[in-house]
Amino acid sequence: MNSTESDEIKADYNFISDALVDIYDQIMRIEESEIRKSRFKDITAKELHLVHTIGLHDHKTTSEVARILRLSKGTLTANLNNLERKGYITRITNQQDRRIINLALTSKGRLLYRAHYAFHRKLVEQCLKGFDGPAIKKMKQALINVEDFIGEVSAK
């Protein structure tokens, strides 16, 4: 590899790093702004993402959702209490083992989940515009690599 290729690779790495941070910040700003304009004014962006996770993993326990989000059960419980008080989630006693409590979305929570999911679907469609099958597979692998890295770092 010559120095020109090395400089191009460094520039690409810097671009990707800056873009990931900028994209995250912009998405959070957009979501917070859209929340304030919607009928869901009582929810934070953090709570919105918790509703989304519960929607994806319906009827999981608090411990299971905490593992998925890489949060402590205590931290998660405080947020769940707020969401339940606001009417977005409910806790359901497991019929086979009454000691187990599962999390589920209420009708209000499902409405929020669908709206949030639609926003992310549009985001992904825009991101993949013009990509062919092999390019999409490479993008998917890159995102899996990022998820693996985040998992390793958060496990420490």
C-alpha atoms as a PDB file:
ATOM      1  CA  MET A   1       0.000   0.000   0.000  1.00  0.00           C
ATOM      2  CA  ASN A   2       1.469   3.357  -0.991  1.00  0.00           C
ATOM      3  CA  SER A   3       1.190   6.566   1.040  1.00  0.00           C
ATOM      4  CA  THR A   4      -1.631   7.947  -1.147  1.00  0.00           C
ATOM      5  CA  GLU A   5      -3.753   4.842  -0.492  1.00  0.00           C
ATOM      6  CA  SER A   6      -2.900   5.052   3.206  1.00  0.00           C
ATOM      7  CA  ASP A   7      -3.974   8.717   3.328  1.00  0.00           C
ATOM      8  CA  GLU A   8      -7.237   7.853   1.538  1.00  0.00           C
ATOM      9  CA  ILE A   9      -7.948   5.060   4.024  1.00  0.00           C
ATOM     10  CA  LYS A  10      -7.271   7.408   6.975  1.00  0.00           C
ATOM     11  CA  ALA A  11      -9.582  10.005   5.421  1.00  0.00           C
ATOM     12  CA  ASP A  12     -12.271   7.345   4.936  1.00  0.00           C
ATOM     13  CA  TYR A  13     -11.902   6.207   8.571  1.00  0.00           C
ATOM     14  CA  ASN A  14     -12.172   9.785   9.807  1.00  0.00           C
ATOM     15  CA  PHE A  15     -15.209  10.411   7.610  1.00  0.00           C
ATOM     16  CA  ILE A  16     -16.956   7.267   8.890  1.00  0.00           C
ATOM     17  CA  SER A  17     -16.148   8.086  12.514  1.00  0.00           C
ATOM     18  CA  ASP A  18     -17.409  11.664  12.194  1.00  0.00           C
ATOM     19  CA  ALA A  19     -20.478  10.526  10.247  1.00  0.00           C
ATOM     20  CA  LEU A  20     -21.493   7.961  12.888  1.00  0.00           C
ATOM     21  CA  VAL A  21     -21.369  10.603  15.626  1.00  0.00           C
ATOM     22  CA  ASP A  22     -23.159  13.184  13.497  1.00  0.00           C
ATOM     23  CA  ILE A  23     -25.859  10.739  12.379  1.00  0.00           C
ATOM     24  CA  TYR A  24     -26.547   9.661  15.969  1.00  0.00           C
ATOM     25  CA  ASP A  25     -26.775  13.295  17.120  1.00  0.00           C
ATOM     26  CA  GLN A  26     -29.035  14.301  14.225  1.00  0.00           C
ATOM     27  CA  ILE A  27     -31.391  11.349  14.699  1.00  0.00           C
ATOM     28  CA  MET A  28     -31.720  12.124  18.407  1.00  0.00           C
ATOM     29  CA  ARG A  29     -32.436  15.810  17.630  1.00  0.00           C
ATOM     30  CA  ILE A  30     -35.032  14.897  14.996  1.00  0.00           C
ATOM     31  CA  GLU A  31     -36.740  12.396  17.289  1.00  0.00           C
ATOM     32  CA  GLU A  32     -36.825  14.811  20.217  1.00  0.00           C
ATOM     33  CA  SER A  33     -38.222  17.547  17.969  1.00  0.00           C
ATOM     34  CA  GLU A  34     -40.863  15.239  16.478  1.00  0.00           C
ATOM     35  CA  ILE A  35     -41.864  14.025  19.947  1.00  0.00           C
ATOM     36  CA  ARG A  36     -42.490  17.631  21.038  1.00  0.00           C
ATOM     37  CA  LYS A  37     -44.761  18.189  18.013  1.00  0.00           C
ATOM     38  CA  SER A  38     -46.692  14.939  18.467  1.00  0.00           C
ATOM     39  CA  ARG A  39     -49.333  13.727  20.857  1.00  0.00           C
ATOM     40  CA  PHE A  40     -46.530  11.942  22.770  1.00  0.00           C
ATOM     41  CA  LYS A  41     -45.132  15.092  24.390  1.00  0.00           C
ATOM     42  CA  ASP A  42     -44.782  13.382  27.767  1.00  0.00           C
ATOM     43  CA  ILE A  43     -42.025  11.003  26.670  1.00  0.00           C
ATOM     44  CA  THR A  44     -38.262  11.450  26.345  1.00  0.00           C
ATOM     45  CA  ALA A  45     -36.130  10.119  23.484  1.00  0.00           C
ATOM     46  CA  LYS A  46     -34.626   7.591  25.907  1.00  0.00           C
ATOM     47  CA  GLU A  47     -38.104   6.377  26.858  1.00  0.00           C
ATOM     48  CA  LEU A  48     -39.078   6.289  23.166  1.00  0.00           C
ATOM     49  CA  HIS A  49     -36.243   3.854  22.475  1.00  0.00           C
ATOM     50  CA  LEU A  50     -37.239   1.729  25.444  1.00  0.00           C
ATOM     51  CA  VAL A  51     -40.802   1.538  24.057  1.00  0.00           C
ATOM     52  CA  HIS A  52     -39.292   0.539  20.708  1.00  0.00           C
ATOM     53  CA  THR A  53     -37.216  -2.232  22.326  1.00  0.00           C
ATOM     54  CA  ILE A  54     -40.225  -3.590  24.226  1.00  0.00           C
ATOM     55  CA  GLY A  55     -42.194  -3.509  20.960  1.00  0.00           C
ATOM     56  CA  LEU A  56     -39.490  -5.552  19.254  1.00  0.00           C
ATOM     57  CA  HIS A  57     -39.223  -7.996  22.154  1.00  0.00           C
ATOM     58  CA  ASP A  58     -42.816  -8.312  23.326  1.00  0.00           C
ATOM     59  CA  HIS A  59     -43.514 -10.118  26.599  1.00  0.00           C
ATOM     60  CA  LYS A  60     -39.875 -10.274  27.734  1.00  0.00           C
ATOM     61  CA  THR A  61     -39.015  -9.875  31.399  1.00  0.00           C
ATOM     62  CA  THR A  62     -37.263  -6.826  32.831  1.00  0.00           C
ATOM     63  CA  SER A  63     -34.046  -8.862  33.114  1.00  0.00           C
ATOM     64  CA  GLU A  64     -34.244  -9.916  29.458  1.00  0.00           C
ATOM     65  CA  VAL A  65     -34.833  -6.343  28.274  1.00  0.00           C
ATOM     66  CA  ALA A  66     -31.978  -5.109  30.511  1.00  0.00           C
ATOM     67  CA  ARG A  67     -29.636  -7.634  28.845  1.00  0.00           C
ATOM     68  CA  ILE A  68     -30.776  -6.587  25.365  1.00  0.00           C
ATOM     69  CA  LEU A  69     -30.144  -2.914  26.174  1.00  0.00           C
ATOM     70  CA  ARG A  70     -26.997  -3.618  28.202  1.00  0.00           C
ATOM     71  CA  LEU A  71     -28.437  -1.742  31.203  1.00  0.00           C
ATOM     72  CA  SER A  72     -28.620  -2.590  34.858  1.00  0.00           C
ATOM     73  CA  LYS A  73     -31.977  -3.878  36.002  1.00  0.00           C
ATOM     74  CA  GLY A  74     -32.209  -0.992  38.494  1.00  0.00           C
ATOM     75  CA  THR A  75     -31.670   1.677  35.847  1.00  0.00           C
ATOM     76  CA  LEU A  76     -34.217   0.027  33.597  1.00  0.00           C
ATOM     77  CA  THR A  77     -36.812  -0.349  36.361  1.00  0.00           C
ATOM     78  CA  ALA A  78     -36.952   3.414  36.993  1.00  0.00           C
ATOM     79  CA  ASN A  79     -37.611   4.043  33.290  1.00  0.00           C
ATOM     80  CA  LEU A  80     -40.205   1.261  33.154  1.00  0.00           C
ATOM     81  CA  ASN A  81     -42.023   2.762  36.134  1.00  0.00           C
ATOM     82  CA  ASN A  82     -42.249   6.100  34.287  1.00  0.00           C
ATOM     83  CA  LEU A  83     -43.507   4.437  31.092  1.00  0.00           C
ATOM     84  CA  GLU A  84     -46.112   2.461  33.000  1.00  0.00           C
ATOM     85  CA  ARG A  85     -47.279   5.591  34.848  1.00  0.00           C
ATOM     86  CA  LYS A  86     -47.576   7.424  31.496  1.00  0.00           C
ATOM     87  CA  GLY A  87     -49.584   4.545  30.000  1.00  0.00           C
ATOM     88  CA  TYR A  88     -47.110   3.224  27.403  1.00  0.00           C
ATOM     89  CA  ILE A  89     -46.353  -0.178  28.903  1.00  0.00           C
ATOM     90  CA  THR A  90     -47.934  -2.686  31.206  1.00  0.00           C
ATOM     91  CA  ARG A  91     -46.529  -5.449  33.334  1.00  0.00           C
ATOM     92  CA  ILE A  92     -48.240  -8.806  32.902  1.00  0.00           C
ATOM     93  CA  THR A  93     -48.001 -11.689  35.345  1.00  0.00           C
ATOM     94  CA  ASN A  94     -46.952 -14.904  33.624  1.00  0.00           C
ATOM     95  CA  GLN A  95     -49.765 -17.460  33.906  1.00  0.00           C
ATOM     96  CA  GLN A  96     -47.426 -20.472  34.196  1.00  0.00           C
ATOM     97  CA  ASP A  97     -45.178 -18.925  36.851  1.00  0.00           C
ATOM     98  CA  ARG A  98     -46.756 -16.038  38.760  1.00  0.00           C
ATOM     99  CA  ARG A  99     -43.306 -14.874  39.958  1.00  0.00           C
ATOM    100  CA  ILE A 100     -42.428 -13.869  36.383  1.00  0.00           C
ATOM    101  CA  ILE A 101     -43.533 -10.455  35.148  1.00  0.00           C
ATOM    102  CA  ASN A 102     -43.477  -9.779  31.408  1.00  0.00           C
ATOM    103  CA  LEU A 103     -43.434  -6.378  29.722  1.00  0.00           C
ATOM    104  CA  ALA A 104     -45.885  -5.421  26.986  1.00  0.00           C
ATOM    105  CA  LEU A 105     -46.981  -2.275  25.195  1.00  0.00           C
ATOM    106  CA  THR A 106     -50.388  -0.762  25.804  1.00  0.00           C
ATOM    107  CA  SER A 107     -52.416   0.523  22.851  1.00  0.00           C
ATOM    108  CA  LYS A 108     -50.789   3.945  23.372  1.00  0.00           C
ATOM    109  CA  GLY A 109     -47.359   2.276  23.427  1.00  0.00           C
ATOM    110  CA  ARG A 110     -48.089   0.307  20.247  1.00  0.00           C
ATOM    111  CA  LEU A 111     -49.151   3.501  18.477  1.00  0.00           C
ATOM    112  CA  LEU A 112     -45.879   5.185  19.463  1.00  0.00           C
ATOM    113  CA  TYR A 113     -43.895   2.083  18.477  1.00  0.00           C
ATOM    114  CA  ARG A 114     -45.466   2.006  15.000  1.00  0.00           C
ATOM    115  CA  ALA A 115     -44.760   5.709  14.426  1.00  0.00           C
ATOM    116  CA  HIS A 116     -41.148   5.323  15.569  1.00  0.00           C
ATOM    117  CA  TYR A 117     -40.677   2.177  13.491  1.00  0.00           C
ATOM    118  CA  ALA A 118     -41.990   3.982  10.393  1.00  0.00           C
ATOM    119  CA  PHE A 119     -39.454   6.792  10.890  1.00  0.00           C
ATOM    120  CA  HIS A 120     -36.585   4.303  11.130  1.00  0.00           C
ATOM    121  CA  ARG A 121     -37.859   2.383   8.110  1.00  0.00           C
ATOM    122  CA  LYS A 122     -37.748   5.583   6.027  1.00  0.00           C
ATOM    123  CA  LEU A 123     -34.264   6.272   7.380  1.00  0.00           C
ATOM    124  CA  VAL A 124     -33.013   2.839   6.313  1.00  0.00           C
ATOM    125  CA  GLU A 125     -34.662   3.130   2.878  1.00  0.00           C
ATOM    126  CA  GLN A 126     -32.912   6.456   2.352  1.00  0.00           C
ATOM    127  CA  CYS A 127     -29.595   5.054   3.577  1.00  0.00           C
ATOM    128  CA  LEU A 128     -29.739   2.099   1.191  1.00  0.00           C
ATOM    129  CA  LYS A 129     -30.985   4.062  -1.823  1.00  0.00           C
ATOM    130  CA  GLY A 130     -28.930   2.989  -4.856  1.00  0.00           C
ATOM    131  CA  PHE A 131     -27.286   0.026  -3.082  1.00  0.00           C
ATOM    132  CA  ASP A 132     -27.387  -3.397  -4.699  1.00  0.00           C
ATOM    133  CA  GLY A 133     -27.558  -6.756  -2.871  1.00  0.00           C
ATOM    134  CA  PRO A 134     -23.789  -7.197  -2.288  1.00  0.00           C
ATOM    135  CA  ALA A 135     -23.416  -3.618  -1.045  1.00  0.00           C
ATOM    136  CA  ILE A 136     -26.322  -4.084   1.373  1.00  0.00           C
ATOM    137  CA  LYS A 137     -24.697  -7.274   2.700  1.00  0.00           C
ATOM    138  CA  LYS A 138     -21.443  -5.341   3.286  1.00  0.00           C
ATOM    139  CA  MET A 139     -23.359  -2.589   5.096  1.00  0.00           C
ATOM    140  CA  LYS A 140     -25.084  -5.231   7.233  1.00  0.00           C
ATOM    141  CA  GLN A 141     -21.735  -6.813   8.131  1.00  0.00           C
ATOM    142  CA  ALA A 142     -20.305  -3.410   9.042  1.00  0.00           C
ATOM    143  CA  LEU A 143     -23.246  -2.792  11.376  1.00  0.00           C
ATOM    144  CA  ILE A 144     -22.859  -6.246  12.939  1.00  0.00           C
ATOM    145  CA  ASN A 145     -19.202  -5.391  13.556  1.00  0.00           C
ATOM    146  CA  VAL A 146     -20.254  -2.147  15.282  1.00  0.00           C
ATOM    147  CA  GLU A 147     -22.797  -4.009  17.427  1.00  0.00           C
ATOM    148  CA  ASP A 148     -20.155  -6.588  18.389  1.00  0.00           C
ATOM    149  CA  PHE A 149     -17.732  -3.817  19.352  1.00  0.00           C
ATOM    150  CA  ILE A 150     -20.378  -2.054  21.446  1.00  0.00           C
ATOM    151  CA  GLY A 151     -21.165  -5.348  23.153  1.00  0.00           C
ATOM    152  CA  GLU A 152     -17.505  -5.940  23.986  1.00  0.00           C
ATOM    153  CA  VAL A 153     -16.988  -2.416  25.312  1.00  0.00           C
ATOM    154  CA  SER A 154     -20.184  -2.394  27.393  1.00  0.00           C
ATOM    155  CA  ALA A 155     -19.355  -5.816  28.888  1.00  0.00           C
ATOM    156  CA  LYS A 156     -16.205  -4.394  30.486  1.00  0.00           C
END
